[in-house]
Amino acid sequence: MFPQTFPAPADFAPAARLLAPAERCDFLDIARATLPGTWSALDLWNGMMARPVPGLGLAFRLRDAISTRFGVQRIGGFSGERHEMVVAGEPLDFFMVEGATPERLLLSARDRHLDVLICVTASPVAGATEAAITSSVVTHNLFGRVYMLPVRPVHRVLVRWMLSRLAEKTGSPG
């Protein structure tokens, strides 16, 4: 588990955390949507994972086929399994749960090439929930930096797409 996390920049979600100070992150992104009703961070995760993004399974298989040749562990992708509860120190798909409260879910993945922290936050706002996915990555070597070249733009698009699909499903304009 990460020994500590760091606050995100002021223009990010208030409860968002990073795996390193913002200036040390090699990738830093936030995606947001406003959803009607009350959601917990785990509800947001379950909602986004409930509808697989077309082609994502193939993308994970391709990622695994290439990355395992460089000593990176297979991740297989997202299971789509609904979770009623998660506990720090337990796996959630290919992530490790670093922390879980109703307002914040911290998920990490680490290897010798890079560290990733995904922070899912749910903030109540006037009968709705501000959902935010904050992603921070620190690379450790050339492979980590090369790996992030295609991941960087794809990740941004996918997370926003997943949040917008969740907003559409709930009848929210996002």
N, C-alpha and C. Protein backbone atom coordinates (compact mmCIF):
# COMPACT_ATOMS: atom_id res chain seq x y z
N MET A 1 0.84 -1.18 0.00
CA MET A 1 0.00 0.00 0.00
C MET A 1 0.88 1.24 0.00
N PHE A 2 0.34 2.32 -0.57
CA PHE A 2 1.08 3.56 -0.59
C PHE A 2 1.21 4.09 0.84
N PRO A 3 2.39 4.55 1.21
CA PRO A 3 2.57 5.04 2.58
C PRO A 3 1.75 6.29 2.85
N GLN A 4 1.52 7.10 1.84
CA GLN A 4 0.73 8.31 2.00
C GLN A 4 0.22 8.77 0.66
N THR A 5 -0.80 9.61 0.70
CA THR A 5 -1.30 10.24 -0.52
C THR A 5 -1.20 11.74 -0.33
N PHE A 6 -1.45 12.46 -1.40
CA PHE A 6 -1.27 13.90 -1.39
C PHE A 6 -2.53 14.59 -1.91
N PRO A 7 -2.82 15.80 -1.43
CA PRO A 7 -4.00 16.51 -1.94
C PRO A 7 -3.82 16.84 -3.42
N ALA A 8 -4.94 16.84 -4.11
CA ALA A 8 -4.94 17.22 -5.53
C ALA A 8 -4.95 18.74 -5.63
N PRO A 9 -4.64 19.27 -6.82
CA PRO A 9 -4.72 20.73 -7.01
C PRO A 9 -6.11 21.26 -6.66
N ALA A 10 -6.19 22.53 -6.34
CA ALA A 10 -7.43 23.15 -5.87
C ALA A 10 -8.58 23.03 -6.86
N ASP A 11 -8.29 22.96 -8.17
CA ASP A 11 -9.38 22.88 -9.15
C ASP A 11 -9.88 21.45 -9.36
N PHE A 12 -9.36 20.49 -8.63
CA PHE A 12 -9.81 19.11 -8.67
C PHE A 12 -10.91 18.93 -7.63
N ALA A 13 -11.45 17.73 -7.53
CA ALA A 13 -12.47 17.44 -6.52
C ALA A 13 -11.89 17.65 -5.13
N PRO A 14 -12.68 18.21 -4.20
CA PRO A 14 -12.15 18.52 -2.86
C PRO A 14 -11.53 17.32 -2.14
N ALA A 15 -12.11 16.13 -2.28
CA ALA A 15 -11.61 14.95 -1.56
C ALA A 15 -10.57 14.16 -2.34
N ALA A 16 -10.21 14.63 -3.53
CA ALA A 16 -9.28 13.88 -4.39
C ALA A 16 -7.89 13.80 -3.78
N ARG A 17 -7.26 12.66 -3.98
CA ARG A 17 -5.91 12.42 -3.50
C ARG A 17 -5.05 11.94 -4.66
N LEU A 18 -3.75 12.22 -4.57
CA LEU A 18 -2.77 11.82 -5.59
C LEU A 18 -1.72 10.93 -4.95
N LEU A 19 -1.00 10.19 -5.76
CA LEU A 19 0.04 9.32 -5.19
C LEU A 19 1.35 10.06 -4.96
N ALA A 20 1.46 11.26 -5.51
CA ALA A 20 2.63 12.12 -5.30
C ALA A 20 2.16 13.56 -5.45
N PRO A 21 2.95 14.52 -5.01
CA PRO A 21 2.59 15.91 -5.28
C PRO A 21 2.37 16.10 -6.79
N ALA A 22 1.44 16.95 -7.16
CA ALA A 22 1.06 17.13 -8.56
C ALA A 22 2.26 17.35 -9.48
N GLU A 23 3.23 18.13 -9.03
CA GLU A 23 4.38 18.44 -9.90
C GLU A 23 5.27 17.22 -10.14
N ARG A 24 5.13 16.17 -9.35
CA ARG A 24 5.93 14.95 -9.53
C ARG A 24 5.20 13.88 -10.35
N CYS A 25 3.92 14.11 -10.64
CA CYS A 25 3.14 13.12 -11.41
C CYS A 25 3.47 13.23 -12.88
N ASP A 26 3.65 12.08 -13.53
CA ASP A 26 3.90 12.05 -14.97
C ASP A 26 2.59 12.06 -15.76
N PHE A 27 1.51 11.73 -15.10
CA PHE A 27 0.17 11.80 -15.68
C PHE A 27 -0.77 12.19 -14.56
N LEU A 28 -1.63 13.16 -14.84
CA LEU A 28 -2.58 13.64 -13.85
C LEU A 28 -3.84 14.06 -14.61
N ASP A 29 -4.98 13.50 -14.20
CA ASP A 29 -6.22 13.79 -14.92
C ASP A 29 -7.39 13.73 -13.97
N ILE A 30 -8.41 14.53 -14.26
CA ILE A 30 -9.68 14.44 -13.53
C ILE A 30 -10.81 14.47 -14.54
N ALA A 31 -11.79 13.60 -14.32
CA ALA A 31 -13.01 13.59 -15.11
C ALA A 31 -14.16 13.73 -14.12
N ARG A 32 -15.19 14.50 -14.49
CA ARG A 32 -16.29 14.76 -13.57
C ARG A 32 -17.64 14.62 -14.26
N ALA A 33 -18.65 14.34 -13.45
CA ALA A 33 -20.04 14.35 -13.90
C ALA A 33 -20.91 14.61 -12.68
N THR A 34 -22.03 15.25 -12.89
CA THR A 34 -23.00 15.44 -11.82
C THR A 34 -24.14 14.47 -12.06
N LEU A 35 -24.43 13.67 -11.05
CA LEU A 35 -25.46 12.63 -11.15
C LEU A 35 -26.59 12.93 -10.17
N PRO A 36 -27.82 12.69 -10.58
CA PRO A 36 -28.93 12.92 -9.65
C PRO A 36 -28.89 11.91 -8.51
N GLY A 37 -29.32 12.35 -7.34
CA GLY A 37 -29.41 11.45 -6.20
C GLY A 37 -28.12 11.35 -5.42
N THR A 38 -28.14 10.42 -4.48
CA THR A 38 -27.01 10.22 -3.59
C THR A 38 -26.24 8.97 -4.00
N TRP A 39 -24.96 9.13 -4.20
CA TRP A 39 -24.08 8.03 -4.61
C TRP A 39 -22.90 7.98 -3.65
N SER A 40 -22.42 6.78 -3.40
CA SER A 40 -21.14 6.63 -2.69
C SER A 40 -20.06 6.44 -3.76
N ALA A 41 -18.82 6.52 -3.35
CA ALA A 41 -17.71 6.29 -4.30
C ALA A 41 -17.79 4.87 -4.86
N LEU A 42 -18.12 3.89 -4.03
CA LEU A 42 -18.23 2.52 -4.51
C LEU A 42 -19.43 2.37 -5.46
N ASP A 43 -20.53 3.08 -5.19
CA ASP A 43 -21.66 3.07 -6.13
C ASP A 43 -21.22 3.57 -7.50
N LEU A 44 -20.41 4.61 -7.52
CA LEU A 44 -19.91 5.16 -8.78
C LEU A 44 -19.08 4.11 -9.52
N TRP A 45 -18.17 3.47 -8.80
CA TRP A 45 -17.34 2.42 -9.40
C TRP A 45 -18.23 1.31 -9.98
N ASN A 46 -19.16 0.82 -9.17
CA ASN A 46 -20.05 -0.25 -9.63
C ASN A 46 -20.85 0.19 -10.86
N GLY A 47 -21.33 1.42 -10.83
CA GLY A 47 -22.11 1.92 -11.97
C GLY A 47 -21.30 2.01 -13.25
N MET A 48 -20.06 2.46 -13.13
CA MET A 48 -19.21 2.57 -14.33
C MET A 48 -18.80 1.19 -14.85
N MET A 49 -18.59 0.24 -13.94
CA MET A 49 -18.13 -1.09 -14.35
C MET A 49 -19.28 -1.99 -14.83
N ALA A 50 -20.52 -1.60 -14.55
CA ALA A 50 -21.67 -2.44 -14.89
C ALA A 50 -21.88 -2.58 -16.40
N ARG A 51 -21.51 -1.57 -17.15
CA ARG A 51 -21.66 -1.61 -18.61
C ARG A 51 -20.28 -1.56 -19.25
N PRO A 52 -19.78 -2.71 -19.68
CA PRO A 52 -18.44 -2.72 -20.29
C PRO A 52 -18.38 -1.81 -21.53
N VAL A 53 -17.30 -1.10 -21.65
CA VAL A 53 -17.07 -0.26 -22.82
C VAL A 53 -16.72 -1.17 -23.99
N PRO A 54 -17.41 -1.01 -25.12
CA PRO A 54 -17.12 -1.86 -26.27
C PRO A 54 -15.63 -1.80 -26.66
N GLY A 55 -15.04 -2.95 -26.86
CA GLY A 55 -13.65 -3.02 -27.29
C GLY A 55 -12.64 -2.99 -26.16
N LEU A 56 -13.08 -2.71 -24.93
CA LEU A 56 -12.13 -2.59 -23.82
C LEU A 56 -11.49 -3.94 -23.49
N GLY A 57 -12.27 -5.01 -23.58
CA GLY A 57 -11.72 -6.35 -23.33
C GLY A 57 -10.60 -6.68 -24.30
N LEU A 58 -10.80 -6.36 -25.57
CA LEU A 58 -9.77 -6.57 -26.59
C LEU A 58 -8.55 -5.72 -26.30
N ALA A 59 -8.76 -4.48 -25.88
CA ALA A 59 -7.64 -3.59 -25.56
C ALA A 59 -6.81 -4.16 -24.40
N PHE A 60 -7.48 -4.71 -23.39
CA PHE A 60 -6.74 -5.31 -22.27
C PHE A 60 -5.97 -6.56 -22.71
N ARG A 61 -6.58 -7.37 -23.58
CA ARG A 61 -5.86 -8.56 -24.07
C ARG A 61 -4.61 -8.14 -24.86
N LEU A 62 -4.73 -7.11 -25.68
CA LEU A 62 -3.59 -6.60 -26.45
C LEU A 62 -2.54 -6.04 -25.49
N ARG A 63 -2.96 -5.28 -24.51
CA ARG A 63 -2.04 -4.73 -23.51
C ARG A 63 -1.28 -5.85 -22.81
N ASP A 64 -2.01 -6.89 -22.39
CA ASP A 64 -1.38 -8.02 -21.70
C ASP A 64 -0.39 -8.75 -22.60
N ALA A 65 -0.77 -8.96 -23.86
CA ALA A 65 0.10 -9.68 -24.79
C ALA A 65 1.43 -8.95 -25.00
N ILE A 66 1.38 -7.64 -25.06
CA ILE A 66 2.60 -6.85 -25.27
C ILE A 66 3.38 -6.68 -23.96
N SER A 67 2.69 -6.25 -22.92
CA SER A 67 3.35 -5.89 -21.66
C SER A 67 3.99 -7.07 -20.94
N THR A 68 3.40 -8.25 -21.02
CA THR A 68 3.98 -9.40 -20.30
C THR A 68 5.35 -9.76 -20.86
N ARG A 69 5.62 -9.40 -22.09
CA ARG A 69 6.95 -9.64 -22.68
C ARG A 69 8.02 -8.77 -22.01
N PHE A 70 7.57 -7.75 -21.28
CA PHE A 70 8.50 -6.85 -20.59
C PHE A 70 8.42 -7.03 -19.08
N GLY A 71 7.89 -8.17 -18.65
CA GLY A 71 7.84 -8.47 -17.23
C GLY A 71 6.71 -7.82 -16.46
N VAL A 72 5.70 -7.31 -17.18
CA VAL A 72 4.57 -6.67 -16.53
C VAL A 72 3.49 -7.73 -16.31
N GLN A 73 2.90 -7.72 -15.14
CA GLN A 73 1.87 -8.70 -14.80
C GLN A 73 0.62 -8.51 -15.65
N ARG A 74 0.02 -9.62 -16.05
CA ARG A 74 -1.26 -9.60 -16.76
C ARG A 74 -2.32 -8.99 -15.85
N ILE A 75 -3.20 -8.14 -16.42
CA ILE A 75 -4.28 -7.60 -15.60
C ILE A 75 -5.64 -8.11 -16.03
N GLY A 76 -5.80 -8.52 -17.27
CA GLY A 76 -7.04 -9.14 -17.71
C GLY A 76 -8.21 -8.21 -17.91
N GLY A 77 -8.23 -7.08 -17.27
CA GLY A 77 -9.34 -6.15 -17.45
C GLY A 77 -10.28 -6.11 -16.26
N PHE A 78 -11.42 -5.51 -16.48
CA PHE A 78 -12.42 -5.35 -15.42
C PHE A 78 -13.40 -6.51 -15.43
N SER A 79 -13.77 -6.99 -14.26
CA SER A 79 -14.67 -8.14 -14.16
C SER A 79 -16.13 -7.75 -14.35
N GLY A 80 -16.50 -6.50 -14.06
CA GLY A 80 -17.90 -6.09 -14.11
C GLY A 80 -18.68 -6.54 -12.88
N GLU A 81 -18.00 -7.23 -11.97
CA GLU A 81 -18.63 -7.72 -10.74
C GLU A 81 -19.02 -6.56 -9.84
N ARG A 82 -20.23 -6.63 -9.29
CA ARG A 82 -20.71 -5.61 -8.37
C ARG A 82 -20.18 -5.92 -6.97
N HIS A 83 -19.74 -4.89 -6.27
CA HIS A 83 -19.19 -5.05 -4.92
C HIS A 83 -20.05 -4.28 -3.93
N GLU A 84 -20.48 -4.95 -2.90
CA GLU A 84 -21.27 -4.31 -1.84
C GLU A 84 -20.38 -3.59 -0.84
N MET A 85 -19.14 -4.08 -0.71
CA MET A 85 -18.20 -3.50 0.24
C MET A 85 -16.78 -3.83 -0.23
N VAL A 86 -15.88 -2.91 0.00
CA VAL A 86 -14.46 -3.17 -0.25
C VAL A 86 -13.69 -2.72 0.99
N VAL A 87 -12.53 -3.35 1.18
CA VAL A 87 -11.72 -3.09 2.37
C VAL A 87 -10.28 -2.81 1.92
N ALA A 88 -9.66 -1.85 2.57
CA ALA A 88 -8.26 -1.55 2.27
C ALA A 88 -7.42 -2.81 2.40
N GLY A 89 -6.52 -3.01 1.44
CA GLY A 89 -5.64 -4.16 1.44
C GLY A 89 -6.16 -5.33 0.61
N GLU A 90 -7.38 -5.23 0.12
CA GLU A 90 -7.94 -6.29 -0.72
C GLU A 90 -7.95 -5.85 -2.18
N PRO A 91 -7.90 -6.83 -3.10
CA PRO A 91 -7.94 -6.47 -4.52
C PRO A 91 -9.35 -6.10 -4.99
N LEU A 92 -9.41 -5.24 -5.97
CA LEU A 92 -10.63 -4.91 -6.70
C LEU A 92 -10.24 -4.93 -8.17
N ASP A 93 -10.62 -6.02 -8.85
CA ASP A 93 -10.13 -6.30 -10.19
C ASP A 93 -8.59 -6.29 -10.13
N PHE A 94 -7.93 -5.51 -10.97
CA PHE A 94 -6.46 -5.52 -10.95
C PHE A 94 -5.86 -4.44 -10.06
N PHE A 95 -6.70 -3.74 -9.33
CA PHE A 95 -6.24 -2.72 -8.41
C PHE A 95 -6.18 -3.27 -6.99
N MET A 96 -5.44 -2.59 -6.14
CA MET A 96 -5.45 -2.84 -4.71
C MET A 96 -6.24 -1.70 -4.07
N VAL A 97 -7.14 -2.01 -3.18
CA VAL A 97 -7.89 -0.98 -2.47
C VAL A 97 -6.97 -0.38 -1.41
N GLU A 98 -6.72 0.90 -1.53
CA GLU A 98 -5.87 1.62 -0.58
C GLU A 98 -6.70 2.26 0.52
N GLY A 99 -7.93 2.57 0.22
CA GLY A 99 -8.81 3.19 1.21
C GLY A 99 -10.22 3.22 0.64
N ALA A 100 -11.20 3.11 1.52
CA ALA A 100 -12.59 3.13 1.08
C ALA A 100 -13.47 3.77 2.14
N THR A 101 -14.08 4.88 1.78
CA THR A 101 -15.10 5.53 2.59
C THR A 101 -16.26 5.81 1.65
N PRO A 102 -17.41 6.20 2.17
CA PRO A 102 -18.51 6.53 1.25
C PRO A 102 -18.15 7.65 0.27
N GLU A 103 -17.28 8.56 0.69
CA GLU A 103 -16.92 9.70 -0.15
C GLU A 103 -15.72 9.46 -1.07
N ARG A 104 -14.89 8.45 -0.75
CA ARG A 104 -13.65 8.30 -1.52
C ARG A 104 -13.24 6.84 -1.59
N LEU A 105 -12.86 6.43 -2.80
CA LEU A 105 -12.33 5.09 -3.03
C LEU A 105 -10.96 5.27 -3.67
N LEU A 106 -9.91 4.74 -3.00
CA LEU A 106 -8.55 4.85 -3.51
C LEU A 106 -8.11 3.48 -4.02
N LEU A 107 -7.71 3.42 -5.28
CA LEU A 107 -7.29 2.17 -5.92
C LEU A 107 -5.91 2.35 -6.52
N SER A 108 -5.01 1.39 -6.26
CA SER A 108 -3.65 1.50 -6.77
C SER A 108 -3.26 0.29 -7.59
N ALA A 109 -2.28 0.50 -8.42
CA ALA A 109 -1.61 -0.57 -9.16
C ALA A 109 -0.16 -0.14 -9.25
N ARG A 110 0.73 -1.06 -8.90
CA ARG A 110 2.16 -0.72 -8.91
C ARG A 110 2.96 -1.86 -9.50
N ASP A 111 3.99 -1.49 -10.22
CA ASP A 111 5.00 -2.46 -10.66
C ASP A 111 6.31 -1.71 -10.80
N ARG A 112 7.32 -2.37 -11.33
CA ARG A 112 8.63 -1.72 -11.38
C ARG A 112 8.70 -0.60 -12.41
N HIS A 113 7.68 -0.49 -13.27
CA HIS A 113 7.68 0.51 -14.33
C HIS A 113 6.91 1.79 -13.97
N LEU A 114 5.83 1.62 -13.19
CA LEU A 114 5.02 2.79 -12.84
C LEU A 114 4.10 2.48 -11.66
N ASP A 115 3.65 3.54 -11.01
CA ASP A 115 2.65 3.47 -9.95
C ASP A 115 1.44 4.26 -10.42
N VAL A 116 0.25 3.73 -10.11
CA VAL A 116 -1.02 4.36 -10.50
C VAL A 116 -1.88 4.49 -9.26
N LEU A 117 -2.55 5.62 -9.11
CA LEU A 117 -3.57 5.78 -8.08
C LEU A 117 -4.81 6.36 -8.74
N ILE A 118 -5.92 5.64 -8.60
CA ILE A 118 -7.22 6.11 -9.08
C ILE A 118 -8.01 6.49 -7.83
N CYS A 119 -8.53 7.70 -7.81
CA CYS A 119 -9.29 8.20 -6.68
C CYS A 119 -10.70 8.53 -7.18
N VAL A 120 -11.67 7.74 -6.72
CA VAL A 120 -13.07 7.95 -7.08
C VAL A 120 -13.70 8.72 -5.92
N THR A 121 -14.27 9.89 -6.21
CA THR A 121 -14.88 10.68 -5.15
C THR A 121 -16.35 10.95 -5.47
N ALA A 122 -17.14 10.99 -4.42
CA ALA A 122 -18.56 11.28 -4.51
C ALA A 122 -18.86 12.41 -3.52
N SER A 123 -19.19 13.58 -4.04
CA SER A 123 -19.44 14.75 -3.19
C SER A 123 -20.89 15.19 -3.37
N PRO A 124 -21.67 15.25 -2.27
CA PRO A 124 -23.06 15.69 -2.39
C PRO A 124 -23.14 17.17 -2.74
N VAL A 125 -24.06 17.49 -3.68
CA VAL A 125 -24.30 18.89 -4.08
C VAL A 125 -25.79 19.04 -4.40
N ALA A 126 -26.54 19.67 -3.53
CA ALA A 126 -27.94 20.02 -3.75
C ALA A 126 -28.78 18.91 -4.38
N GLY A 127 -28.90 17.79 -3.69
CA GLY A 127 -29.73 16.69 -4.19
C GLY A 127 -29.10 15.86 -5.28
N ALA A 128 -27.85 16.10 -5.54
CA ALA A 128 -27.13 15.36 -6.58
C ALA A 128 -25.76 14.96 -6.02
N THR A 129 -24.99 14.30 -6.86
CA THR A 129 -23.64 13.90 -6.47
C THR A 129 -22.66 14.33 -7.55
N GLU A 130 -21.63 15.03 -7.12
CA GLU A 130 -20.53 15.36 -8.03
C GLU A 130 -19.59 14.16 -8.03
N ALA A 131 -19.55 13.45 -9.13
CA ALA A 131 -18.68 12.28 -9.29
C ALA A 131 -17.38 12.74 -9.93
N ALA A 132 -16.27 12.28 -9.40
CA ALA A 132 -14.97 12.64 -9.98
C ALA A 132 -14.04 11.43 -9.93
N ILE A 133 -13.34 11.25 -11.03
CA ILE A 133 -12.31 10.22 -11.12
C ILE A 133 -10.99 10.95 -11.34
N THR A 134 -10.12 10.86 -10.34
CA THR A 134 -8.82 11.50 -10.41
C THR A 134 -7.77 10.40 -10.59
N SER A 135 -6.96 10.53 -11.61
CA SER A 135 -5.93 9.53 -11.91
C SER A 135 -4.56 10.18 -11.83
N SER A 136 -3.65 9.53 -11.10
CA SER A 136 -2.28 10.03 -11.04
C SER A 136 -1.32 8.86 -11.26
N VAL A 137 -0.27 9.15 -12.01
CA VAL A 137 0.73 8.12 -12.36
C VAL A 137 2.11 8.70 -12.18
N VAL A 138 2.99 7.89 -11.62
CA VAL A 138 4.42 8.22 -11.56
C VAL A 138 5.14 7.07 -12.26
N THR A 139 5.93 7.40 -13.28
CA THR A 139 6.70 6.38 -14.00
C THR A 139 8.08 6.26 -13.37
N HIS A 140 8.66 5.05 -13.53
CA HIS A 140 9.96 4.78 -12.91
C HIS A 140 11.09 4.56 -13.91
N ASN A 141 10.73 4.31 -15.17
CA ASN A 141 11.78 3.99 -16.15
C ASN A 141 11.26 4.23 -17.56
N LEU A 142 12.10 3.94 -18.54
CA LEU A 142 11.75 4.18 -19.94
C LEU A 142 10.51 3.39 -20.34
N PHE A 143 10.41 2.12 -19.93
CA PHE A 143 9.23 1.35 -20.30
C PHE A 143 7.96 2.00 -19.76
N GLY A 144 7.99 2.47 -18.53
CA GLY A 144 6.83 3.14 -17.95
C GLY A 144 6.44 4.37 -18.75
N ARG A 145 7.42 5.15 -19.18
CA ARG A 145 7.13 6.35 -19.98
C ARG A 145 6.58 5.98 -21.35
N VAL A 146 7.14 4.96 -21.98
CA VAL A 146 6.65 4.51 -23.30
C VAL A 146 5.24 3.92 -23.15
N TYR A 147 5.03 3.14 -22.11
CA TYR A 147 3.72 2.54 -21.85
C TYR A 147 2.64 3.62 -21.77
N MET A 148 2.97 4.74 -21.14
CA MET A 148 1.99 5.80 -20.95
C MET A 148 1.69 6.59 -22.23
N LEU A 149 2.52 6.49 -23.26
CA LEU A 149 2.26 7.24 -24.49
C LEU A 149 0.87 6.93 -25.08
N PRO A 150 0.51 5.66 -25.28
CA PRO A 150 -0.86 5.40 -25.77
C PRO A 150 -1.90 5.43 -24.65
N VAL A 151 -1.49 5.10 -23.44
CA VAL A 151 -2.46 5.03 -22.33
C VAL A 151 -2.99 6.43 -22.00
N ARG A 152 -2.13 7.42 -22.02
CA ARG A 152 -2.51 8.79 -21.64
C ARG A 152 -3.77 9.28 -22.39
N PRO A 153 -3.79 9.32 -23.70
CA PRO A 153 -5.00 9.83 -24.37
C PRO A 153 -6.18 8.86 -24.28
N VAL A 154 -5.91 7.56 -24.33
CA VAL A 154 -6.98 6.57 -24.25
C VAL A 154 -7.66 6.62 -22.89
N HIS A 155 -6.86 6.71 -21.83
CA HIS A 155 -7.41 6.76 -20.48
C HIS A 155 -8.35 7.96 -20.33
N ARG A 156 -7.91 9.12 -20.80
CA ARG A 156 -8.74 10.32 -20.69
C ARG A 156 -10.09 10.12 -21.38
N VAL A 157 -10.07 9.58 -22.58
CA VAL A 157 -11.31 9.36 -23.33
C VAL A 157 -12.19 8.32 -22.64
N LEU A 158 -11.59 7.20 -22.24
CA LEU A 158 -12.37 6.12 -21.63
C LEU A 158 -13.05 6.54 -20.33
N VAL A 159 -12.33 7.19 -19.46
CA VAL A 159 -12.92 7.57 -18.16
C VAL A 159 -14.06 8.55 -18.39
N ARG A 160 -13.88 9.50 -19.28
CA ARG A 160 -14.95 10.46 -19.55
C ARG A 160 -16.16 9.76 -20.19
N TRP A 161 -15.89 8.81 -21.06
CA TRP A 161 -16.96 8.07 -21.71
C TRP A 161 -17.72 7.24 -20.67
N MET A 162 -16.99 6.59 -19.78
CA MET A 162 -17.65 5.78 -18.75
C MET A 162 -18.51 6.65 -17.84
N LEU A 163 -18.02 7.81 -17.46
CA LEU A 163 -18.82 8.71 -16.62
C LEU A 163 -20.02 9.25 -17.39
N SER A 164 -19.86 9.59 -18.66
CA SER A 164 -20.99 10.12 -19.43
C SER A 164 -22.05 9.04 -19.64
N ARG A 165 -21.63 7.79 -19.83
CA ARG A 165 -22.60 6.69 -19.95
C ARG A 165 -23.37 6.51 -18.65
N LEU A 166 -22.70 6.66 -17.52
CA LEU A 166 -23.36 6.55 -16.23
C LEU A 166 -24.36 7.71 -16.07
N ALA A 167 -23.95 8.90 -16.48
CA ALA A 167 -24.84 10.07 -16.41
C ALA A 167 -26.06 9.86 -17.31
N GLU A 168 -25.87 9.35 -18.52
CA GLU A 168 -26.99 9.08 -19.44
C GLU A 168 -27.95 8.07 -18.82
N LYS A 169 -27.40 7.04 -18.23
CA LYS A 169 -28.21 5.98 -17.62
C LYS A 169 -29.08 6.53 -16.49
N THR A 170 -28.60 7.53 -15.78
CA THR A 170 -29.33 8.10 -14.65
C THR A 170 -30.20 9.27 -15.07
N GLY A 171 -30.15 9.63 -16.34
CA GLY A 171 -30.97 10.75 -16.83
C GLY A 171 -30.35 12.11 -16.56
N SER A 172 -29.09 12.13 -16.21
CA SER A 172 -28.40 13.37 -15.93
C SER A 172 -27.70 13.88 -17.19
N PRO A 173 -27.66 15.18 -17.39
CA PRO A 173 -26.93 15.71 -18.54
C PRO A 173 -25.42 15.56 -18.40
N GLY A 174 -24.93 15.14 -17.21
CA GLY A 174 -23.49 14.95 -17.00
C GLY A 174 -22.89 16.18 -16.51
